[in-house]
């Protein structure tokens, strides 16, 4: 199956946005940990949503025949680990 350049661009943009949202959620978690505060239910939901979107966006990215870079692979691995540990 051939994927159009527009579809490749859309998959790349979706993955980039998902990774940025996940990074923001990670900062929120670390900030709360440093302050010894628990995340609110809404913040937990944001974290879970960002993790799920990273995984889904990566699947679309891979289906478009694209290859993820090293830095993005590290973030993807963190999101997948979070899912595997039952965090989302």
N, C-alpha and C. Protein backbone atom coordinates (compact mmCIF):
# COMPACT_ATOMS: atom_id res chain seq x y z
N UNK A 1 0.84 -1.18 0.00
CA UNK A 1 0.00 0.00 0.00
C UNK A 1 0.88 1.24 0.00
N UNK A 2 0.60 2.15 -0.90
CA UNK A 2 1.35 3.39 -1.00
C UNK A 2 0.63 4.47 -0.21
N UNK A 3 1.40 5.17 0.59
CA UNK A 3 0.84 6.25 1.41
C UNK A 3 1.25 7.57 0.77
N UNK A 4 0.30 8.45 0.63
CA UNK A 4 0.57 9.75 -0.01
C UNK A 4 1.46 10.61 0.90
N UNK A 5 2.17 11.54 0.30
CA UNK A 5 2.98 12.46 1.11
C UNK A 5 2.14 13.24 2.14
N UNK A 6 0.90 13.55 1.77
CA UNK A 6 0.02 14.27 2.70
C UNK A 6 -0.30 13.39 3.92
N UNK A 7 -0.53 12.10 3.68
CA UNK A 7 -0.80 11.18 4.78
C UNK A 7 0.43 11.00 5.67
N UNK A 8 1.60 10.97 5.04
CA UNK A 8 2.83 10.87 5.81
C UNK A 8 3.03 12.11 6.68
N UNK A 9 2.76 13.27 6.10
CA UNK A 9 2.88 14.51 6.85
C UNK A 9 1.88 14.55 8.00
N UNK A 10 0.65 14.12 7.74
CA UNK A 10 -0.36 14.10 8.79
C UNK A 10 0.05 13.16 9.92
N UNK A 11 0.58 11.99 9.58
CA UNK A 11 1.02 11.02 10.60
C UNK A 11 2.19 11.58 11.40
N UNK A 12 3.10 12.26 10.71
CA UNK A 12 4.26 12.86 11.39
C UNK A 12 3.80 13.96 12.35
N UNK A 13 2.90 14.81 11.89
CA UNK A 13 2.40 15.90 12.74
C UNK A 13 1.64 15.36 13.94
N UNK A 14 0.84 14.33 13.73
CA UNK A 14 0.08 13.74 14.83
C UNK A 14 1.02 13.17 15.88
N UNK A 15 2.05 12.45 15.43
CA UNK A 15 3.01 11.89 16.38
C UNK A 15 3.74 12.99 17.12
N UNK A 16 4.16 14.02 16.41
CA UNK A 16 4.87 15.14 17.05
C UNK A 16 4.01 15.79 18.12
N UNK A 17 2.74 16.06 17.80
CA UNK A 17 1.83 16.67 18.79
C UNK A 17 1.63 15.75 19.98
N UNK A 18 1.49 14.46 19.73
CA UNK A 18 1.29 13.50 20.82
C UNK A 18 2.51 13.45 21.73
N UNK A 19 3.69 13.45 21.14
CA UNK A 19 4.91 13.41 21.94
C UNK A 19 5.07 14.69 22.77
N UNK A 20 4.72 15.84 22.19
CA UNK A 20 4.80 17.09 22.94
C UNK A 20 3.81 17.10 24.12
N UNK A 21 2.61 16.59 23.89
CA UNK A 21 1.62 16.51 24.97
C UNK A 21 2.10 15.57 26.06
N UNK A 22 2.71 14.46 25.67
CA UNK A 22 3.24 13.51 26.65
C UNK A 22 4.37 14.14 27.45
N UNK A 23 5.25 14.88 26.79
CA UNK A 23 6.32 15.56 27.52
C UNK A 23 5.76 16.55 28.52
N UNK A 24 4.74 17.28 28.14
CA UNK A 24 4.10 18.23 29.05
C UNK A 24 3.50 17.51 30.25
N UNK A 25 2.88 16.38 30.01
CA UNK A 25 2.30 15.60 31.10
C UNK A 25 3.40 15.07 32.02
N UNK A 26 4.54 14.68 31.45
CA UNK A 26 5.65 14.22 32.28
C UNK A 26 6.16 15.34 33.19
N UNK A 27 6.25 16.55 32.65
CA UNK A 27 6.69 17.69 33.45
C UNK A 27 5.71 17.91 34.60
N UNK A 28 4.43 17.81 34.33
CA UNK A 28 3.41 17.97 35.36
C UNK A 28 3.59 16.93 36.46
N UNK A 29 3.81 15.69 36.07
CA UNK A 29 4.00 14.61 37.05
C UNK A 29 5.24 14.88 37.90
N UNK A 30 6.34 15.23 37.26
CA UNK A 30 7.58 15.50 38.00
C UNK A 30 7.43 16.69 38.95
N UNK A 31 6.74 17.71 38.50
CA UNK A 31 6.50 18.87 39.36
C UNK A 31 5.71 18.47 40.60
N UNK A 32 4.67 17.68 40.41
CA UNK A 32 3.88 17.23 41.55
C UNK A 32 4.69 16.33 42.46
N UNK A 33 5.53 15.49 41.90
CA UNK A 33 6.36 14.61 42.73
C UNK A 33 7.33 15.43 43.58
N UNK A 34 7.93 16.44 42.99
CA UNK A 34 8.87 17.29 43.73
C UNK A 34 8.16 18.04 44.86
N UNK A 35 6.93 18.41 44.62
CA UNK A 35 6.16 19.14 45.63
C UNK A 35 5.43 18.18 46.57
N UNK A 36 5.61 16.90 46.33
CA UNK A 36 4.97 15.85 47.13
C UNK A 36 3.45 16.01 47.16
N UNK A 37 2.91 16.28 45.99
CA UNK A 37 1.47 16.43 45.83
C UNK A 37 0.98 15.35 44.87
N UNK A 38 -0.22 14.92 45.09
CA UNK A 38 -0.83 13.94 44.19
C UNK A 38 -1.46 14.66 43.00
N UNK A 39 -1.48 13.97 41.89
CA UNK A 39 -2.17 14.51 40.72
C UNK A 39 -3.67 14.46 40.95
N UNK A 40 -4.36 15.44 40.44
CA UNK A 40 -5.82 15.43 40.51
C UNK A 40 -6.34 14.40 39.51
N UNK A 41 -7.59 13.98 39.67
CA UNK A 41 -8.16 13.04 38.69
C UNK A 41 -8.10 13.58 37.26
N UNK A 42 -8.31 14.87 37.08
CA UNK A 42 -8.24 15.46 35.74
C UNK A 42 -6.82 15.40 35.19
N UNK A 43 -5.84 15.63 36.04
CA UNK A 43 -4.45 15.55 35.59
C UNK A 43 -4.06 14.11 35.25
N UNK A 44 -4.55 13.16 36.03
CA UNK A 44 -4.30 11.75 35.73
C UNK A 44 -4.91 11.38 34.39
N UNK A 45 -6.11 11.88 34.14
CA UNK A 45 -6.79 11.62 32.86
C UNK A 45 -6.00 12.22 31.70
N UNK A 46 -5.46 13.41 31.90
CA UNK A 46 -4.63 14.04 30.87
C UNK A 46 -3.40 13.19 30.58
N UNK A 47 -2.77 12.68 31.61
CA UNK A 47 -1.61 11.82 31.44
C UNK A 47 -1.98 10.55 30.68
N UNK A 48 -3.05 9.90 31.08
CA UNK A 48 -3.49 8.67 30.41
C UNK A 48 -3.84 8.94 28.95
N UNK A 49 -4.52 10.04 28.70
CA UNK A 49 -4.89 10.39 27.32
C UNK A 49 -3.65 10.64 26.47
N UNK A 50 -2.66 11.32 27.04
CA UNK A 50 -1.45 11.61 26.27
C UNK A 50 -0.68 10.33 25.96
N UNK A 51 -0.64 9.41 26.89
CA UNK A 51 0.04 8.14 26.66
C UNK A 51 -0.67 7.35 25.57
N UNK A 52 -1.97 7.27 25.66
CA UNK A 52 -2.75 6.53 24.66
C UNK A 52 -2.58 7.15 23.27
N UNK A 53 -2.55 8.47 23.20
CA UNK A 53 -2.40 9.13 21.90
C UNK A 53 -1.01 8.89 21.31
N UNK A 54 0.02 8.85 22.15
CA UNK A 54 1.37 8.56 21.65
C UNK A 54 1.38 7.19 20.98
N UNK A 55 0.83 6.20 21.65
CA UNK A 55 0.84 4.84 21.12
C UNK A 55 0.02 4.76 19.83
N UNK A 56 -1.16 5.36 19.81
CA UNK A 56 -2.01 5.34 18.63
C UNK A 56 -1.37 6.11 17.47
N UNK A 57 -0.79 7.26 17.77
CA UNK A 57 -0.15 8.07 16.73
C UNK A 57 1.06 7.33 16.16
N UNK A 58 1.79 6.62 17.01
CA UNK A 58 2.94 5.87 16.52
C UNK A 58 2.50 4.75 15.59
N UNK A 59 1.40 4.11 15.90
CA UNK A 59 0.89 3.05 15.03
C UNK A 59 0.56 3.61 13.65
N UNK A 60 -0.07 4.77 13.60
CA UNK A 60 -0.40 5.40 12.32
C UNK A 60 0.88 5.83 11.60
N UNK A 61 1.84 6.33 12.35
CA UNK A 61 3.13 6.76 11.81
C UNK A 61 3.84 5.56 11.16
N UNK A 62 3.87 4.44 11.87
CA UNK A 62 4.51 3.24 11.34
C UNK A 62 3.76 2.69 10.13
N UNK A 63 2.44 2.74 10.18
CA UNK A 63 1.63 2.25 9.06
C UNK A 63 1.89 3.08 7.80
N UNK A 64 2.30 4.33 7.98
CA UNK A 64 2.62 5.19 6.84
C UNK A 64 4.02 4.91 6.30
N UNK A 65 4.70 3.93 6.91
CA UNK A 65 6.03 3.55 6.44
C UNK A 65 7.14 4.46 6.91
N UNK A 66 6.89 5.20 7.96
CA UNK A 66 7.88 6.15 8.47
C UNK A 66 8.67 5.54 9.62
N UNK A 67 9.86 6.08 9.86
CA UNK A 67 10.74 5.57 10.90
C UNK A 67 10.96 6.66 11.94
N UNK A 68 10.81 6.31 13.19
CA UNK A 68 10.92 7.26 14.29
C UNK A 68 12.39 7.53 14.62
N UNK A 69 12.69 8.76 15.02
CA UNK A 69 14.05 9.14 15.39
C UNK A 69 14.40 8.68 16.80
N UNK A 70 15.65 8.79 17.15
CA UNK A 70 16.16 8.29 18.43
C UNK A 70 15.50 8.97 19.62
N UNK A 71 15.43 10.29 19.62
CA UNK A 71 14.82 11.01 20.75
C UNK A 71 13.34 10.66 20.89
N UNK A 72 12.66 10.58 19.77
CA UNK A 72 11.25 10.23 19.80
C UNK A 72 11.05 8.78 20.24
N UNK A 73 11.98 7.92 19.87
CA UNK A 73 11.92 6.51 20.28
C UNK A 73 12.00 6.39 21.81
N UNK A 74 12.82 7.24 22.42
CA UNK A 74 12.96 7.24 23.88
C UNK A 74 11.62 7.62 24.54
N UNK A 75 10.98 8.66 24.02
CA UNK A 75 9.68 9.07 24.56
C UNK A 75 8.61 8.00 24.33
N UNK A 76 8.64 7.39 23.16
CA UNK A 76 7.70 6.31 22.87
C UNK A 76 7.90 5.17 23.85
N UNK A 77 9.14 4.82 24.12
CA UNK A 77 9.43 3.73 25.06
C UNK A 77 8.91 4.07 26.46
N UNK A 78 9.04 5.33 26.86
CA UNK A 78 8.53 5.74 28.17
C UNK A 78 7.00 5.61 28.22
N UNK A 79 6.34 6.02 27.16
CA UNK A 79 4.88 5.91 27.12
C UNK A 79 4.45 4.44 27.13
N UNK A 80 5.14 3.61 26.35
CA UNK A 80 4.80 2.19 26.32
C UNK A 80 5.05 1.54 27.68
N UNK A 81 6.12 1.95 28.35
CA UNK A 81 6.42 1.41 29.68
C UNK A 81 5.32 1.81 30.66
N UNK A 82 4.87 3.05 30.57
CA UNK A 82 3.79 3.51 31.43
C UNK A 82 2.54 2.65 31.24
N UNK A 83 2.22 2.36 29.97
CA UNK A 83 1.07 1.50 29.69
C UNK A 83 1.28 0.09 30.23
N UNK A 84 2.47 -0.45 30.03
CA UNK A 84 2.76 -1.82 30.46
C UNK A 84 2.70 -1.95 31.99
N UNK A 85 3.03 -0.90 32.68
CA UNK A 85 3.01 -0.93 34.14
C UNK A 85 1.60 -0.66 34.70
N UNK A 86 0.66 -0.53 33.80
CA UNK A 86 -0.73 -0.35 34.22
C UNK A 86 -1.10 1.06 34.60
N UNK A 87 -0.30 2.03 34.16
CA UNK A 87 -0.56 3.42 34.49
C UNK A 87 -1.71 4.03 33.75
N UNK A 88 -2.05 3.44 32.59
CA UNK A 88 -3.14 4.05 31.82
C UNK A 88 -4.19 3.02 31.50
